[in-house]
N, C-alpha and C. Protein backbone atom coordinates (compact mmCIF):
# COMPACT_ATOMS: atom_id res chain seq x y z
N MET A 1 -40.87 -31.32 1.35
CA MET A 1 -39.61 -30.70 1.73
C MET A 1 -39.86 -29.25 2.11
N LYS A 2 -39.02 -28.76 2.99
CA LYS A 2 -39.11 -27.36 3.38
C LYS A 2 -38.61 -26.48 2.25
N ALA A 3 -39.26 -25.35 2.08
CA ALA A 3 -38.84 -24.40 1.06
C ALA A 3 -37.59 -23.67 1.53
N ASP A 4 -36.75 -23.28 0.60
CA ASP A 4 -35.55 -22.47 0.84
C ASP A 4 -34.49 -23.16 1.71
N THR A 5 -34.47 -24.49 1.77
CA THR A 5 -33.42 -25.16 2.53
C THR A 5 -32.35 -25.74 1.63
N HIS A 6 -32.67 -25.97 0.37
CA HIS A 6 -31.71 -26.55 -0.56
C HIS A 6 -31.17 -25.47 -1.49
N PRO A 7 -29.91 -25.57 -1.88
CA PRO A 7 -29.35 -24.58 -2.81
C PRO A 7 -29.96 -24.74 -4.20
N ALA A 8 -29.92 -23.68 -4.95
CA ALA A 8 -30.50 -23.69 -6.30
C ALA A 8 -29.59 -24.47 -7.25
N ASN A 9 -30.19 -25.30 -8.08
CA ASN A 9 -29.44 -26.04 -9.11
C ASN A 9 -29.58 -25.30 -10.43
N HIS A 10 -28.49 -25.31 -11.20
CA HIS A 10 -28.45 -24.63 -12.48
C HIS A 10 -28.03 -25.61 -13.56
N PRO A 11 -28.53 -25.46 -14.78
CA PRO A 11 -28.04 -26.31 -15.87
C PRO A 11 -26.60 -25.93 -16.21
N VAL A 12 -25.75 -26.94 -16.31
CA VAL A 12 -24.33 -26.70 -16.60
C VAL A 12 -23.86 -27.62 -17.73
N LEU A 13 -22.81 -27.19 -18.37
CA LEU A 13 -22.12 -27.99 -19.37
C LEU A 13 -20.73 -28.26 -18.81
N PHE A 14 -20.46 -29.53 -18.50
CA PHE A 14 -19.15 -29.93 -17.99
C PHE A 14 -18.24 -30.20 -19.18
N ILE A 15 -17.02 -29.68 -19.13
CA ILE A 15 -16.04 -29.91 -20.19
C ILE A 15 -14.76 -30.44 -19.56
N ASP A 16 -14.33 -31.60 -20.03
CA ASP A 16 -13.07 -32.21 -19.58
C ASP A 16 -12.28 -32.57 -20.82
N GLY A 17 -11.41 -31.67 -21.23
CA GLY A 17 -10.63 -31.91 -22.44
C GLY A 17 -11.55 -31.92 -23.65
N GLU A 18 -11.65 -33.06 -24.31
CA GLU A 18 -12.50 -33.16 -25.50
C GLU A 18 -13.90 -33.69 -25.19
N HIS A 19 -14.18 -34.04 -23.95
CA HIS A 19 -15.47 -34.59 -23.56
C HIS A 19 -16.36 -33.49 -22.99
N GLU A 20 -17.63 -33.49 -23.42
CA GLU A 20 -18.60 -32.52 -22.93
C GLU A 20 -19.89 -33.25 -22.58
N TRP A 21 -20.52 -32.89 -21.46
CA TRP A 21 -21.81 -33.44 -21.10
C TRP A 21 -22.57 -32.43 -20.25
N THR A 22 -23.88 -32.52 -20.30
CA THR A 22 -24.72 -31.59 -19.56
C THR A 22 -25.18 -32.22 -18.26
N GLY A 23 -25.53 -31.37 -17.33
CA GLY A 23 -26.02 -31.82 -16.04
C GLY A 23 -26.50 -30.63 -15.24
N VAL A 24 -26.68 -30.83 -13.95
CA VAL A 24 -27.07 -29.74 -13.07
C VAL A 24 -26.05 -29.64 -11.95
N SER A 25 -25.87 -28.43 -11.44
CA SER A 25 -24.91 -28.19 -10.38
C SER A 25 -25.31 -26.92 -9.64
N THR A 26 -24.80 -26.78 -8.44
CA THR A 26 -25.00 -25.54 -7.69
C THR A 26 -23.96 -24.50 -8.08
N ASN A 27 -22.93 -24.90 -8.83
CA ASN A 27 -21.87 -23.99 -9.27
C ASN A 27 -22.31 -23.21 -10.49
N LYS A 28 -21.77 -22.01 -10.62
CA LYS A 28 -21.99 -21.17 -11.79
C LYS A 28 -20.64 -20.74 -12.34
N SER A 29 -20.65 -20.21 -13.54
CA SER A 29 -19.44 -19.64 -14.12
C SER A 29 -19.82 -18.40 -14.92
N ASP A 30 -18.81 -17.67 -15.35
CA ASP A 30 -19.07 -16.48 -16.17
C ASP A 30 -19.36 -16.86 -17.62
N GLU A 31 -18.88 -18.02 -18.04
CA GLU A 31 -19.08 -18.46 -19.42
C GLU A 31 -20.41 -19.20 -19.53
N VAL A 32 -21.20 -18.85 -20.54
CA VAL A 32 -22.52 -19.46 -20.75
C VAL A 32 -22.60 -19.92 -22.20
N ARG A 33 -23.18 -21.12 -22.40
CA ARG A 33 -23.39 -21.64 -23.75
C ARG A 33 -24.86 -22.05 -23.88
N ASN A 34 -25.46 -21.69 -24.98
CA ASN A 34 -26.86 -22.01 -25.22
C ASN A 34 -26.95 -23.37 -25.91
N ILE A 35 -27.65 -24.31 -25.28
CA ILE A 35 -27.84 -25.65 -25.84
C ILE A 35 -29.33 -25.92 -25.89
N ASP A 36 -29.86 -26.12 -27.08
CA ASP A 36 -31.28 -26.39 -27.31
C ASP A 36 -32.17 -25.33 -26.66
N GLY A 37 -31.77 -24.08 -26.74
CA GLY A 37 -32.58 -22.98 -26.21
C GLY A 37 -32.44 -22.74 -24.72
N VAL A 38 -31.59 -23.49 -24.04
CA VAL A 38 -31.39 -23.34 -22.61
C VAL A 38 -29.95 -22.88 -22.36
N ASP A 39 -29.78 -21.82 -21.57
CA ASP A 39 -28.45 -21.34 -21.23
C ASP A 39 -27.84 -22.23 -20.16
N HIS A 40 -26.64 -22.77 -20.46
CA HIS A 40 -25.92 -23.63 -19.52
C HIS A 40 -24.63 -22.91 -19.11
N PHE A 41 -24.34 -22.93 -17.82
CA PHE A 41 -23.05 -22.43 -17.35
C PHE A 41 -21.99 -23.45 -17.72
N VAL A 42 -20.84 -23.00 -18.19
CA VAL A 42 -19.76 -23.89 -18.63
C VAL A 42 -18.78 -24.07 -17.47
N LEU A 43 -18.60 -25.33 -17.05
CA LEU A 43 -17.65 -25.67 -15.99
C LEU A 43 -16.57 -26.56 -16.58
N ARG A 44 -15.34 -26.09 -16.55
CA ARG A 44 -14.21 -26.87 -17.07
C ARG A 44 -13.60 -27.67 -15.93
N LEU A 45 -13.41 -28.96 -16.17
CA LEU A 45 -12.90 -29.88 -15.16
C LEU A 45 -11.51 -30.35 -15.52
N GLU A 46 -10.70 -30.62 -14.51
CA GLU A 46 -9.38 -31.20 -14.74
C GLU A 46 -9.44 -32.71 -14.71
N ILE A 47 -10.30 -33.27 -13.86
CA ILE A 47 -10.39 -34.71 -13.70
C ILE A 47 -11.85 -35.13 -13.74
N SER A 48 -12.13 -36.17 -14.50
CA SER A 48 -13.47 -36.76 -14.52
C SER A 48 -13.33 -38.25 -14.83
N GLY A 49 -14.44 -38.91 -14.97
CA GLY A 49 -14.42 -40.32 -15.29
C GLY A 49 -13.85 -40.62 -16.67
N PHE A 50 -13.79 -39.62 -17.53
CA PHE A 50 -13.23 -39.83 -18.87
C PHE A 50 -11.70 -39.86 -18.85
N THR A 51 -11.09 -39.17 -17.88
CA THR A 51 -9.63 -39.03 -17.92
C THR A 51 -8.90 -39.67 -16.76
N HIS A 52 -9.57 -39.96 -15.65
CA HIS A 52 -8.86 -40.47 -14.47
C HIS A 52 -9.19 -41.94 -14.26
N PRO A 53 -8.18 -42.82 -14.15
CA PRO A 53 -8.45 -44.25 -14.04
C PRO A 53 -9.23 -44.65 -12.80
N PHE A 54 -9.13 -43.90 -11.70
CA PHE A 54 -9.88 -44.24 -10.49
C PHE A 54 -11.38 -44.15 -10.77
N TYR A 55 -11.78 -43.13 -11.49
CA TYR A 55 -13.19 -42.92 -11.76
C TYR A 55 -13.72 -43.79 -12.91
N THR A 56 -12.83 -44.24 -13.78
CA THR A 56 -13.28 -45.05 -14.90
C THR A 56 -13.44 -46.51 -14.54
N GLY A 57 -12.89 -46.93 -13.41
CA GLY A 57 -13.01 -48.32 -12.99
C GLY A 57 -11.89 -49.21 -13.50
N THR A 58 -10.97 -48.67 -14.28
CA THR A 58 -9.85 -49.49 -14.75
C THR A 58 -8.84 -49.62 -13.62
N LYS A 59 -8.32 -50.81 -13.45
CA LYS A 59 -7.40 -51.06 -12.36
C LYS A 59 -5.98 -51.22 -12.89
N LYS A 60 -5.05 -50.82 -12.08
CA LYS A 60 -3.64 -50.98 -12.42
C LYS A 60 -3.17 -52.29 -11.79
N ILE A 61 -2.58 -53.16 -12.57
CA ILE A 61 -2.12 -54.45 -12.05
C ILE A 61 -0.76 -54.25 -11.39
N VAL A 62 -0.69 -54.64 -10.13
CA VAL A 62 0.55 -54.51 -9.38
C VAL A 62 1.21 -55.88 -9.33
N ASP A 63 2.48 -55.92 -9.61
CA ASP A 63 3.22 -57.17 -9.63
C ASP A 63 3.64 -57.52 -8.21
N SER A 64 2.69 -57.98 -7.39
CA SER A 64 3.00 -58.27 -5.99
C SER A 64 3.86 -59.54 -5.88
N ALA A 65 3.66 -60.51 -6.77
CA ALA A 65 4.48 -61.72 -6.71
C ALA A 65 5.94 -61.37 -6.99
N GLY A 66 6.18 -60.50 -7.92
CA GLY A 66 7.54 -60.08 -8.21
C GLY A 66 8.19 -59.36 -7.05
N ARG A 67 7.40 -58.61 -6.30
CA ARG A 67 7.94 -57.91 -5.14
C ARG A 67 8.33 -58.89 -4.04
N VAL A 68 7.49 -59.90 -3.83
CA VAL A 68 7.79 -60.90 -2.80
C VAL A 68 9.05 -61.68 -3.18
N GLU A 69 9.14 -62.08 -4.43
CA GLU A 69 10.32 -62.82 -4.88
C GLU A 69 11.59 -61.98 -4.74
N LYS A 70 11.49 -60.70 -5.05
CA LYS A 70 12.64 -59.82 -4.92
C LYS A 70 13.05 -59.69 -3.46
N PHE A 71 12.06 -59.59 -2.57
CA PHE A 71 12.35 -59.51 -1.14
C PHE A 71 13.03 -60.80 -0.66
N MET A 72 12.51 -61.96 -1.09
CA MET A 72 13.07 -63.24 -0.66
C MET A 72 14.49 -63.42 -1.18
N ARG A 73 14.76 -62.97 -2.40
CA ARG A 73 16.12 -63.06 -2.92
C ARG A 73 17.06 -62.18 -2.12
N ARG A 74 16.59 -61.04 -1.74
CA ARG A 74 17.45 -60.09 -1.04
C ARG A 74 17.63 -60.44 0.43
N TYR A 75 16.54 -60.82 1.11
CA TYR A 75 16.61 -61.01 2.56
C TYR A 75 16.24 -62.41 3.03
N GLY A 76 15.72 -63.26 2.18
CA GLY A 76 15.25 -64.58 2.61
C GLY A 76 16.33 -65.55 2.96
N ASN A 77 17.52 -65.39 2.43
CA ASN A 77 18.61 -66.35 2.68
C ASN A 77 19.44 -66.01 3.89
N GLN A 78 19.13 -64.92 4.55
CA GLN A 78 19.90 -64.55 5.73
C GLN A 78 19.48 -65.42 6.90
N GLN A 79 20.46 -65.87 7.67
CA GLN A 79 20.17 -66.72 8.82
C GLN A 79 20.57 -65.98 10.08
N LYS A 80 19.88 -66.30 11.16
CA LYS A 80 20.23 -65.67 12.43
C LYS A 80 21.57 -66.20 12.90
N LYS A 81 22.40 -65.30 13.36
CA LYS A 81 23.70 -65.70 13.90
C LYS A 81 23.62 -65.56 15.40
N ASP A 82 23.81 -66.68 16.13
CA ASP A 82 23.74 -66.67 17.59
C ASP A 82 25.10 -66.63 18.19
């Protein structure tokens, strides 16, 4: 790889509510926490896989059959008037 083409990665501590995990990121913050002798920048997140259903893989069940039945009750019995 060419030198000086990629941004520098820094050790970070991601915090999402009560969940904390370490990783690397190009982002920095003013808050630093020492973990096992290594200074990690603290990045607070609003959404992650711990809190958002899209990222966790859980699906919301949509009652599509109920919607179709409701539509048919409301509009299915109408007949064309010529």
